[in-house]
Amino acid sequence: MATTVGIIGAGRAGLSLGLALARADYVVRLYGRRAKPVPPPLTLSTGRLPAWLAHVDVIILAVPDDAVRGVASDLAASRRVTETQVVLHLSGALDREALLPLESSGAALGSLHPLQTLSDPQTAPQRLQGAVATVEGDARAVAIAAALARGVGMEPVPISADQKPLYHAAAVVASNFVVALAGVAQRLFVGAGLSDAAARKALATLMAGALENLRAAGPETALTGPVARGDVETVRRHLEVLHGADAELYRTLSRAALQLARLDPERRRAIEELLSSPF
């Protein structure tokens, strides 16, 4: 089984996975374009593609999606990748085909996507514990990617190449858009007279409670609020004070909530009509 991993890309994803692998007793090599401090025990190679590329079991491309194919082409041109190795990228949206420039090397090609936010490499080893990681590609690449995922405490889940864009869209909705919604909610709280500090505290406790309910029971049971209750007048009052993009966002999310709500037909119809009415 693979014990030596080379990571190309020293951004948050590369540092986070590299640190988690190192703490799981893998030998980790790290390469980046520019010199920068990295958390120990990691060390960083810079400049030309490093000589260690030919001597690691797995090469992981921890680079932005738009750069994956270009880096794969550079690796192919270097002729340092061999049939004994596995090459993976970390993109949630791209599949094995992003690594096609390396096909002639004979290396096993695939992807490993940790389904977790990795904003701070120092906390990543703990945050990755129990997270799902999707794996895809050649059979040997999938086996190695799954082993790496398990090695750092993640749960590997196979996914087909054609489902990755939809899967990644779901991940964006569940993570990135939650942060965007928090920004909208904070602005509305402040508009209602709360201080920035009070708004942030309100957001933290309210969203943490919603996530705990979601973890315990799933979306349908976790849903609360006026749509879940069929409270037509409260929804009306909200729409009277919201304008422009905020009102449209409220309508869109209320319709999504309505799909989860367990309402009698009359109340459901009343809310549907209200959400379609101009204000």
C-alpha atoms as a PDB file:
ATOM      1  CA  MET A   1       0.000   0.000   0.000  1.00  0.00           C
ATOM      2  CA  ALA A   2       1.143   3.563  -0.693  1.00  0.00           C
ATOM      3  CA  THR A   3       3.248   5.111   2.045  1.00  0.00           C
ATOM      4  CA  THR A   4       4.914   8.060   0.283  1.00  0.00           C
ATOM      5  CA  VAL A   5       2.744  10.871  -1.049  1.00  0.00           C
ATOM      6  CA  GLY A   6       3.851  13.862  -3.094  1.00  0.00           C
ATOM      7  CA  ILE A   7       1.537  16.877  -3.127  1.00  0.00           C
ATOM      8  CA  ILE A   8       1.733  19.547  -5.805  1.00  0.00           C
ATOM      9  CA  GLY A   9       0.170  22.739  -4.515  1.00  0.00           C
ATOM     10  CA  ALA A  10       0.780  24.390  -1.152  1.00  0.00           C
ATOM     11  CA  GLY A  11      -2.524  26.190  -0.757  1.00  0.00           C
ATOM     12  CA  ARG A  12      -5.048  25.413   1.953  1.00  0.00           C
ATOM     13  CA  ALA A  13      -6.134  22.081   0.434  1.00  0.00           C
ATOM     14  CA  GLY A  14      -2.587  20.835  -0.122  1.00  0.00           C
ATOM     15  CA  LEU A  15      -1.380  21.895   3.319  1.00  0.00           C
ATOM     16  CA  SER A  16      -4.480  20.510   5.028  1.00  0.00           C
ATOM     17  CA  LEU A  17      -4.325  17.072   3.429  1.00  0.00           C
ATOM     18  CA  GLY A  18      -0.536  16.993   3.688  1.00  0.00           C
ATOM     19  CA  LEU A  19      -0.611  17.691   7.419  1.00  0.00           C
ATOM     20  CA  ALA A  20      -3.335  15.077   7.976  1.00  0.00           C
ATOM     21  CA  LEU A  21      -1.355  12.458   6.035  1.00  0.00           C
ATOM     22  CA  ALA A  22       1.878  13.297   7.852  1.00  0.00           C
ATOM     23  CA  ARG A  23       0.180  12.919  11.224  1.00  0.00           C
ATOM     24  CA  ALA A  24      -1.133   9.549  10.022  1.00  0.00           C
ATOM     25  CA  ASP A  25       2.494   8.443   9.484  1.00  0.00           C
ATOM     26  CA  TYR A  26       2.648   8.845   5.719  1.00  0.00           C
ATOM     27  CA  VAL A  27       5.841  10.286   4.265  1.00  0.00           C
ATOM     28  CA  VAL A  28       4.716  13.515   2.603  1.00  0.00           C
ATOM     29  CA  ARG A  29       6.571  15.623   0.032  1.00  0.00           C
ATOM     30  CA  LEU A  30       5.196  19.066  -0.796  1.00  0.00           C
ATOM     31  CA  TYR A  31       5.827  21.293  -3.811  1.00  0.00           C
ATOM     32  CA  GLY A  32       4.687  24.863  -4.435  1.00  0.00           C
ATOM     33  CA  ARG A  33       5.527  27.647  -6.821  1.00  0.00           C
ATOM     34  CA  ARG A  34       6.678  30.077  -4.140  1.00  0.00           C
ATOM     35  CA  ALA A  35       8.534  29.775  -0.853  1.00  0.00           C
ATOM     36  CA  LYS A  36       6.293  30.189   2.198  1.00  0.00           C
ATOM     37  CA  PRO A  37       6.157  28.935   5.779  1.00  0.00           C
ATOM     38  CA  VAL A  38       4.449  25.539   6.137  1.00  0.00           C
ATOM     39  CA  PRO A  39       3.396  23.764   9.332  1.00  0.00           C
ATOM     40  CA  PRO A  40       5.827  21.113  10.580  1.00  0.00           C
ATOM     41  CA  PRO A  41       6.564  18.330   9.901  1.00  0.00           C
ATOM     42  CA  LEU A  42       5.903  19.434   6.291  1.00  0.00           C
ATOM     43  CA  THR A  43       8.710  20.908   4.233  1.00  0.00           C
ATOM     44  CA  LEU A  44       8.252  22.739   0.947  1.00  0.00           C
ATOM     45  CA  SER A  45      10.106  22.351  -2.355  1.00  0.00           C
ATOM     46  CA  THR A  46       9.918  25.237  -4.841  1.00  0.00           C
ATOM     47  CA  GLY A  47      11.307  26.133  -8.254  1.00  0.00           C
ATOM     48  CA  ARG A  48      11.486  23.449 -10.930  1.00  0.00           C
ATOM     49  CA  LEU A  49       9.507  20.246 -10.587  1.00  0.00           C
ATOM     50  CA  PRO A  50      11.238  18.293  -7.813  1.00  0.00           C
ATOM     51  CA  ALA A  51      13.290  15.144  -8.295  1.00  0.00           C
ATOM     52  CA  TRP A  52      11.180  13.325  -5.697  1.00  0.00           C
ATOM     53  CA  LEU A  53       8.296  13.097  -8.188  1.00  0.00           C
ATOM     54  CA  ALA A  54       9.761   9.885  -9.564  1.00  0.00           C
ATOM     55  CA  HIS A  55      10.099   8.311  -6.127  1.00  0.00           C
ATOM     56  CA  VAL A  56       6.693   8.746  -4.459  1.00  0.00           C
ATOM     57  CA  ASP A  57       3.890   6.203  -4.580  1.00  0.00           C
ATOM     58  CA  VAL A  58       1.117   8.765  -5.069  1.00  0.00           C
ATOM     59  CA  ILE A  59       1.103  12.225  -6.630  1.00  0.00           C
ATOM     60  CA  ILE A  60      -1.758  14.502  -5.579  1.00  0.00           C
ATOM     61  CA  LEU A  61      -2.584  17.650  -7.515  1.00  0.00           C
ATOM     62  CA  ALA A  62      -3.901  20.129  -4.938  1.00  0.00           C
ATOM     63  CA  VAL A  63      -4.396  22.974  -7.383  1.00  0.00           C
ATOM     64  CA  PRO A  64      -7.421  24.989  -8.592  1.00  0.00           C
ATOM     65  CA  ASP A  65      -9.720  23.164 -11.007  1.00  0.00           C
ATOM     66  CA  ASP A  66      -8.665  25.340 -13.943  1.00  0.00           C
ATOM     67  CA  ALA A  67      -5.025  24.397 -13.364  1.00  0.00           C
ATOM     68  CA  VAL A  68      -5.379  20.602 -13.103  1.00  0.00           C
ATOM     69  CA  ARG A  69      -5.002  19.774 -16.797  1.00  0.00           C
ATOM     70  CA  GLY A  70      -2.086  22.183 -17.207  1.00  0.00           C
ATOM     71  CA  VAL A  71      -0.197  20.682 -14.273  1.00  0.00           C
ATOM     72  CA  ALA A  72      -0.920  17.198 -15.628  1.00  0.00           C
ATOM     73  CA  SER A  73       0.571  18.297 -18.963  1.00  0.00           C
ATOM     74  CA  ASP A  74       3.683  19.619 -17.201  1.00  0.00           C
ATOM     75  CA  LEU A  75       4.074  16.317 -15.367  1.00  0.00           C
ATOM     76  CA  ALA A  76       3.682  14.388 -18.621  1.00  0.00           C
ATOM     77  CA  ALA A  77       6.324  16.553 -20.293  1.00  0.00           C
ATOM     78  CA  SER A  78       8.728  15.938 -17.403  1.00  0.00           C
ATOM     79  CA  ARG A  79       8.540  12.157 -18.013  1.00  0.00           C
ATOM     80  CA  ARG A  80       8.923  11.568 -14.273  1.00  0.00           C
ATOM     81  CA  VAL A  81       5.567   9.855 -13.773  1.00  0.00           C
ATOM     82  CA  THR A  82       5.643   6.089 -14.242  1.00  0.00           C
ATOM     83  CA  GLU A  83       3.222   3.184 -14.474  1.00  0.00           C
ATOM     84  CA  THR A  84       3.910   2.202 -10.874  1.00  0.00           C
ATOM     85  CA  GLN A  85       2.425   5.429  -9.522  1.00  0.00           C
ATOM     86  CA  VAL A  86      -1.048   6.783  -8.837  1.00  0.00           C
ATOM     87  CA  VAL A  87      -1.960  10.364  -9.713  1.00  0.00           C
ATOM     88  CA  LEU A  88      -4.985  11.968  -8.072  1.00  0.00           C
ATOM     89  CA  HIS A  89      -6.504  15.434  -8.070  1.00  0.00           C
ATOM     90  CA  LEU A  90      -8.664  16.923  -5.322  1.00  0.00           C
ATOM     91  CA  SER A  91     -11.378  18.559  -7.427  1.00  0.00           C
ATOM     92  CA  GLY A  92     -14.974  17.875  -6.514  1.00  0.00           C
ATOM     93  CA  ALA A  93     -16.273  18.770  -9.971  1.00  0.00           C
ATOM     94  CA  LEU A  94     -13.629  17.237 -12.268  1.00  0.00           C
ATOM     95  CA  ASP A  95     -13.080  13.551 -12.936  1.00  0.00           C
ATOM     96  CA  ARG A  96     -10.264  11.354 -14.198  1.00  0.00           C
ATOM     97  CA  GLU A  97     -10.346  12.971 -17.647  1.00  0.00           C
ATOM     98  CA  ALA A  98      -8.685  16.101 -16.262  1.00  0.00           C
ATOM     99  CA  LEU A  99      -5.527  13.983 -15.948  1.00  0.00           C
ATOM    100  CA  LEU A 100      -5.611  12.599 -19.512  1.00  0.00           C
ATOM    101  CA  PRO A 101      -2.252  14.182 -20.476  1.00  0.00           C
ATOM    102  CA  LEU A 102      -0.742  11.530 -18.156  1.00  0.00           C
ATOM    103  CA  GLU A 103      -2.525   8.585 -19.782  1.00  0.00           C
ATOM    104  CA  SER A 104       0.545   7.489 -21.746  1.00  0.00           C
ATOM    105  CA  SER A 105       2.603   7.281 -18.525  1.00  0.00           C
ATOM    106  CA  GLY A 106       0.645   4.195 -17.480  1.00  0.00           C
ATOM    107  CA  ALA A 107       0.001   5.658 -14.035  1.00  0.00           C
ATOM    108  CA  ALA A 108      -3.412   5.006 -12.468  1.00  0.00           C
ATOM    109  CA  LEU A 109      -5.473   8.194 -12.619  1.00  0.00           C
ATOM    110  CA  GLY A 110      -8.343   9.370 -10.445  1.00  0.00           C
ATOM    111  CA  SER A 111      -9.711  11.851  -7.946  1.00  0.00           C
ATOM    112  CA  LEU A 112     -10.079  12.153  -4.190  1.00  0.00           C
ATOM    113  CA  HIS A 113     -12.387  14.869  -2.884  1.00  0.00           C
ATOM    114  CA  PRO A 114     -12.601  15.470   0.887  1.00  0.00           C
ATOM    115  CA  LEU A 115     -16.123  16.722   1.529  1.00  0.00           C
ATOM    116  CA  GLN A 116     -15.124  19.178   4.239  1.00  0.00           C
ATOM    117  CA  THR A 117     -14.274  22.863   4.518  1.00  0.00           C
ATOM    118  CA  LEU A 118     -10.520  23.307   4.903  1.00  0.00           C
ATOM    119  CA  SER A 119      -9.978  26.922   5.876  1.00  0.00           C
ATOM    120  CA  ASP A 120      -7.207  26.267   8.438  1.00  0.00           C
ATOM    121  CA  PRO A 121      -4.581  23.565   7.775  1.00  0.00           C
ATOM    122  CA  GLN A 122      -3.725  23.312  11.481  1.00  0.00           C
ATOM    123  CA  THR A 123      -7.226  22.113  12.353  1.00  0.00           C
ATOM    124  CA  ALA A 124      -7.726  20.043   9.196  1.00  0.00           C
ATOM    125  CA  PRO A 125      -6.587  16.685  10.644  1.00  0.00           C
ATOM    126  CA  GLN A 126      -9.347  16.911  13.245  1.00  0.00           C
ATOM    127  CA  ARG A 127     -11.972  18.276  10.821  1.00  0.00           C
ATOM    128  CA  LEU A 128     -11.326  15.459   8.360  1.00  0.00           C
ATOM    129  CA  GLN A 129     -12.135  12.822  10.968  1.00  0.00           C
ATOM    130  CA  GLY A 130     -15.447  11.242   9.984  1.00  0.00           C
ATOM    131  CA  ALA A 131     -15.863  13.332   6.816  1.00  0.00           C
ATOM    132  CA  VAL A 132     -16.952  11.745   3.552  1.00  0.00           C
ATOM    133  CA  ALA A 133     -14.403  11.629   0.723  1.00  0.00           C
ATOM    134  CA  THR A 134     -15.564  10.746  -2.771  1.00  0.00           C
ATOM    135  CA  VAL A 135     -13.216   8.626  -4.900  1.00  0.00           C
ATOM    136  CA  GLU A 136     -13.316   8.065  -8.658  1.00  0.00           C
ATOM    137  CA  GLY A 137     -11.126   6.902 -11.535  1.00  0.00           C
ATOM    138  CA  ASP A 138      -9.146   3.813 -12.513  1.00  0.00           C
ATOM    139  CA  ALA A 139      -9.621   0.812 -10.235  1.00  0.00           C
ATOM    140  CA  ARG A 140      -6.113   1.044  -8.777  1.00  0.00           C
ATOM    141  CA  ALA A 141      -6.472   4.806  -8.256  1.00  0.00           C
ATOM    142  CA  VAL A 142      -9.810   4.334  -6.487  1.00  0.00           C
ATOM    143  CA  ALA A 143      -8.320   1.687  -4.192  1.00  0.00           C
ATOM    144  CA  ILE A 144      -5.374   3.913  -3.247  1.00  0.00           C
ATOM    145  CA  ALA A 145      -7.564   7.019  -2.856  1.00  0.00           C
ATOM    146  CA  ALA A 146      -9.888   5.075  -0.555  1.00  0.00           C
ATOM    147  CA  ALA A 147      -6.937   3.845   1.505  1.00  0.00           C
ATOM    148  CA  LEU A 148      -5.605   7.396   1.885  1.00  0.00           C
ATOM    149  CA  ALA A 149      -9.049   8.610   2.925  1.00  0.00           C
ATOM    150  CA  ARG A 150      -9.367   5.887   5.550  1.00  0.00           C
ATOM    151  CA  GLY A 151      -5.809   6.582   6.679  1.00  0.00           C
ATOM    152  CA  VAL A 152      -6.740  10.096   7.787  1.00  0.00           C
ATOM    153  CA  GLY A 153     -10.097   9.075   9.265  1.00  0.00           C
ATOM    154  CA  MET A 154     -12.416   9.836   6.365  1.00  0.00           C
ATOM    155  CA  GLU A 155     -15.095   7.579   4.910  1.00  0.00           C
ATOM    156  CA  PRO A 156     -14.461   6.889   1.198  1.00  0.00           C
ATOM    157  CA  VAL A 157     -17.511   6.828  -1.075  1.00  0.00           C
ATOM    158  CA  PRO A 158     -17.175   5.814  -4.752  1.00  0.00           C
ATOM    159  CA  ILE A 159     -18.775   8.131  -7.300  1.00  0.00           C
ATOM    160  CA  SER A 160     -19.122   7.877 -11.065  1.00  0.00           C
ATOM    161  CA  ALA A 161     -17.474  10.470 -13.278  1.00  0.00           C
ATOM    162  CA  ASP A 162     -20.724  11.695 -14.823  1.00  0.00           C
ATOM    163  CA  GLN A 163     -22.255  12.423 -11.404  1.00  0.00           C
ATOM    164  CA  LYS A 164     -19.420  14.616 -10.110  1.00  0.00           C
ATOM    165  CA  PRO A 165     -20.782  17.987 -11.342  1.00  0.00           C
ATOM    166  CA  LEU A 166     -24.158  17.410  -9.651  1.00  0.00           C
ATOM    167  CA  TYR A 167     -22.454  16.094  -6.517  1.00  0.00           C
ATOM    168  CA  HIS A 168     -20.215  19.160  -6.362  1.00  0.00           C
ATOM    169  CA  ALA A 169     -23.159  21.498  -6.909  1.00  0.00           C
ATOM    170  CA  ALA A 170     -24.787  19.867  -3.874  1.00  0.00           C
ATOM    171  CA  ALA A 171     -21.601  20.438  -1.873  1.00  0.00           C
ATOM    172  CA  VAL A 172     -21.555  24.121  -2.845  1.00  0.00           C
ATOM    173  CA  VAL A 173     -25.180  24.528  -1.772  1.00  0.00           C
ATOM    174  CA  ALA A 174     -24.488  22.784   1.551  1.00  0.00           C
ATOM    175  CA  SER A 175     -21.316  24.692   2.395  1.00  0.00           C
ATOM    176  CA  ASN A 176     -20.482  27.804   0.390  1.00  0.00           C
ATOM    177  CA  PHE A 177     -24.074  28.998   0.107  1.00  0.00           C
ATOM    178  CA  VAL A 178     -24.597  28.545   3.843  1.00  0.00           C
ATOM    179  CA  VAL A 179     -21.811  31.068   4.390  1.00  0.00           C
ATOM    180  CA  ALA A 180     -23.356  33.385   1.790  1.00  0.00           C
ATOM    181  CA  LEU A 181     -26.716  33.090   3.552  1.00  0.00           C
ATOM    182  CA  ALA A 182     -25.052  33.929   6.846  1.00  0.00           C
ATOM    183  CA  GLY A 183     -23.740  37.117   5.255  1.00  0.00           C
ATOM    184  CA  VAL A 184     -27.241  38.064   4.090  1.00  0.00           C
ATOM    185  CA  ALA A 185     -28.733  37.257   7.502  1.00  0.00           C
ATOM    186  CA  GLN A 186     -26.083  39.318   9.314  1.00  0.00           C
ATOM    187  CA  ARG A 187     -26.797  42.328   7.084  1.00  0.00           C
ATOM    188  CA  LEU A 188     -30.547  41.990   7.789  1.00  0.00           C
ATOM    189  CA  PHE A 189     -29.939  41.661  11.541  1.00  0.00           C
ATOM    190  CA  VAL A 190     -27.856  44.838  11.501  1.00  0.00           C
ATOM    191  CA  GLY A 191     -30.548  46.542   9.423  1.00  0.00           C
ATOM    192  CA  ALA A 192     -33.015  45.591  12.157  1.00  0.00           C
ATOM    193  CA  GLY A 193     -30.887  47.386  14.752  1.00  0.00           C
ATOM    194  CA  LEU A 194     -28.533  44.705  16.098  1.00  0.00           C
ATOM    195  CA  SER A 195     -24.844  45.536  16.446  1.00  0.00           C
ATOM    196  CA  ASP A 196     -22.340  43.590  14.343  1.00  0.00           C
ATOM    197  CA  ALA A 197     -21.236  41.680  17.439  1.00  0.00           C
ATOM    198  CA  ALA A 198     -24.792  40.809  18.451  1.00  0.00           C
ATOM    199  CA  ALA A 199     -25.627  39.767  14.879  1.00  0.00           C
ATOM    200  CA  ARG A 200     -22.611  37.441  14.712  1.00  0.00           C
ATOM    201  CA  LYS A 201     -23.506  35.862  18.043  1.00  0.00           C
ATOM    202  CA  ALA A 202     -27.108  35.425  16.965  1.00  0.00           C
ATOM    203  CA  LEU A 203     -25.985  33.780  13.732  1.00  0.00           C
ATOM    204  CA  ALA A 204     -23.545  31.442  15.465  1.00  0.00           C
ATOM    205  CA  THR A 205     -26.037  30.090  17.983  1.00  0.00           C
ATOM    206  CA  LEU A 206     -29.003  29.956  15.594  1.00  0.00           C
ATOM    207  CA  MET A 207     -27.129  28.205  12.780  1.00  0.00           C
ATOM    208  CA  ALA A 208     -25.403  25.812  15.175  1.00  0.00           C
ATOM    209  CA  GLY A 209     -28.793  24.785  16.523  1.00  0.00           C
ATOM    210  CA  ALA A 210     -30.181  24.255  13.021  1.00  0.00           C
ATOM    211  CA  LEU A 211     -27.176  22.108  12.081  1.00  0.00           C
ATOM    212  CA  GLU A 212     -27.514  20.013  15.219  1.00  0.00           C
ATOM    213  CA  ASN A 213     -31.179  19.391  14.409  1.00  0.00           C
ATOM    214  CA  LEU A 214     -30.217  18.506  10.854  1.00  0.00           C
ATOM    215  CA  ARG A 215     -27.542  16.085  12.040  1.00  0.00           C
ATOM    216  CA  ALA A 216     -29.962  14.391  14.397  1.00  0.00           C
ATOM    217  CA  ALA A 217     -33.053  14.105  12.233  1.00  0.00           C
ATOM    218  CA  GLY A 218     -32.561  15.134   8.593  1.00  0.00           C
ATOM    219  CA  PRO A 219     -34.039  18.079   6.657  1.00  0.00           C
ATOM    220  CA  GLU A 220     -37.774  17.329   6.899  1.00  0.00           C
ATOM    221  CA  THR A 221     -37.805  16.955  10.681  1.00  0.00           C
ATOM    222  CA  ALA A 222     -35.225  19.700  11.281  1.00  0.00           C
ATOM    223  CA  LEU A 223     -37.173  22.358   9.368  1.00  0.00           C
ATOM    224  CA  THR A 224     -38.718  25.006  11.621  1.00  0.00           C
ATOM    225  CA  GLY A 225     -40.084  28.501  11.023  1.00  0.00           C
ATOM    226  CA  PRO A 226     -43.162  30.064   9.428  1.00  0.00           C
ATOM    227  CA  VAL A 227     -43.205  27.937   6.275  1.00  0.00           C
ATOM    228  CA  ALA A 228     -42.950  24.723   8.301  1.00  0.00           C
ATOM    229  CA  ARG A 229     -45.830  25.937  10.484  1.00  0.00           C
ATOM    230  CA  GLY A 230     -47.920  27.205   7.572  1.00  0.00           C
ATOM    231  CA  ASP A 231     -47.872  30.688   9.133  1.00  0.00           C
ATOM    232  CA  VAL A 232     -49.142  32.711   6.164  1.00  0.00           C
ATOM    233  CA  GLU A 233     -49.337  36.083   7.900  1.00  0.00           C
ATOM    234  CA  THR A 234     -45.754  35.926   9.148  1.00  0.00           C
ATOM    235  CA  VAL A 235     -44.524  35.145   5.649  1.00  0.00           C
ATOM    236  CA  ARG A 236     -46.601  38.106   4.404  1.00  0.00           C
ATOM    237  CA  ARG A 237     -45.007  40.465   6.941  1.00  0.00           C
ATOM    238  CA  HIS A 238     -41.535  39.313   5.915  1.00  0.00           C
ATOM    239  CA  LEU A 239     -42.243  39.974   2.247  1.00  0.00           C
ATOM    240  CA  GLU A 240     -43.583  43.444   3.079  1.00  0.00           C
ATOM    241  CA  VAL A 241     -40.249  44.530   4.567  1.00  0.00           C
ATOM    242  CA  LEU A 242     -37.876  42.761   2.171  1.00  0.00           C
ATOM    243  CA  HIS A 243     -37.035  44.279  -1.193  1.00  0.00           C
ATOM    244  CA  GLY A 244     -35.167  43.491  -4.392  1.00  0.00           C
ATOM    245  CA  ALA A 245     -32.698  40.621  -4.269  1.00  0.00           C
ATOM    246  CA  ASP A 246     -33.425  39.933  -0.584  1.00  0.00           C
ATOM    247  CA  ALA A 247     -37.119  39.405  -1.356  1.00  0.00           C
ATOM    248  CA  GLU A 248     -36.336  37.145  -4.304  1.00  0.00           C
ATOM    249  CA  LEU A 249     -33.932  35.094  -2.196  1.00  0.00           C
ATOM    250  CA  TYR A 250     -36.575  34.767   0.531  1.00  0.00           C
ATOM    251  CA  ARG A 251     -39.152  33.590  -2.023  1.00  0.00           C
ATOM    252  CA  THR A 252     -36.769  31.056  -3.571  1.00  0.00           C
ATOM    253  CA  LEU A 253     -35.741  29.570  -0.231  1.00  0.00           C
ATOM    254  CA  SER A 254     -39.321  29.575   1.040  1.00  0.00           C
ATOM    255  CA  ARG A 255     -40.358  27.507  -1.982  1.00  0.00           C
ATOM    256  CA  ALA A 256     -37.531  25.066  -1.181  1.00  0.00           C
ATOM    257  CA  ALA A 257     -38.705  24.929   2.439  1.00  0.00           C
ATOM    258  CA  LEU A 258     -42.261  24.343   1.251  1.00  0.00           C
ATOM    259  CA  GLN A 259     -41.123  21.136  -0.448  1.00  0.00           C
ATOM    260  CA  LEU A 260     -40.027  19.846   2.969  1.00  0.00           C
ATOM    261  CA  ALA A 261     -42.940  21.176   5.006  1.00  0.00           C
ATOM    262  CA  ARG A 262     -45.693  18.817   6.171  1.00  0.00           C
ATOM    263  CA  LEU A 263     -48.698  21.055   5.590  1.00  0.00           C
ATOM    264  CA  ASP A 264     -52.320  20.433   4.788  1.00  0.00           C
ATOM    265  CA  PRO A 265     -53.254  21.279   1.178  1.00  0.00           C
ATOM    266  CA  GLU A 266     -55.056  24.507   2.096  1.00  0.00           C
ATOM    267  CA  ARG A 267     -52.145  26.078   3.961  1.00  0.00           C
ATOM    268  CA  ARG A 268     -49.674  24.911   1.342  1.00  0.00           C
ATOM    269  CA  ARG A 269     -51.745  26.523  -1.404  1.00  0.00           C
ATOM    270  CA  ALA A 270     -52.049  29.781   0.576  1.00  0.00           C
ATOM    271  CA  ILE A 271     -48.283  30.053   0.978  1.00  0.00           C
ATOM    272  CA  GLU A 272     -47.675  29.165  -2.669  1.00  0.00           C
ATOM    273  CA  GLU A 273     -50.049  31.942  -3.750  1.00  0.00           C
ATOM    274  CA  LEU A 274     -48.441  34.415  -1.363  1.00  0.00           C
ATOM    275  CA  LEU A 275     -44.935  33.645  -2.664  1.00  0.00           C
ATOM    276  CA  SER A 276     -46.172  34.269  -6.213  1.00  0.00           C
ATOM    277  CA  SER A 277     -47.859  37.586  -5.382  1.00  0.00           C
ATOM    278  CA  PRO A 278     -46.125  40.945  -6.070  1.00  0.00           C
ATOM    279  CA  PHE A 279     -45.481  43.303  -3.139  1.00  0.00           C
END
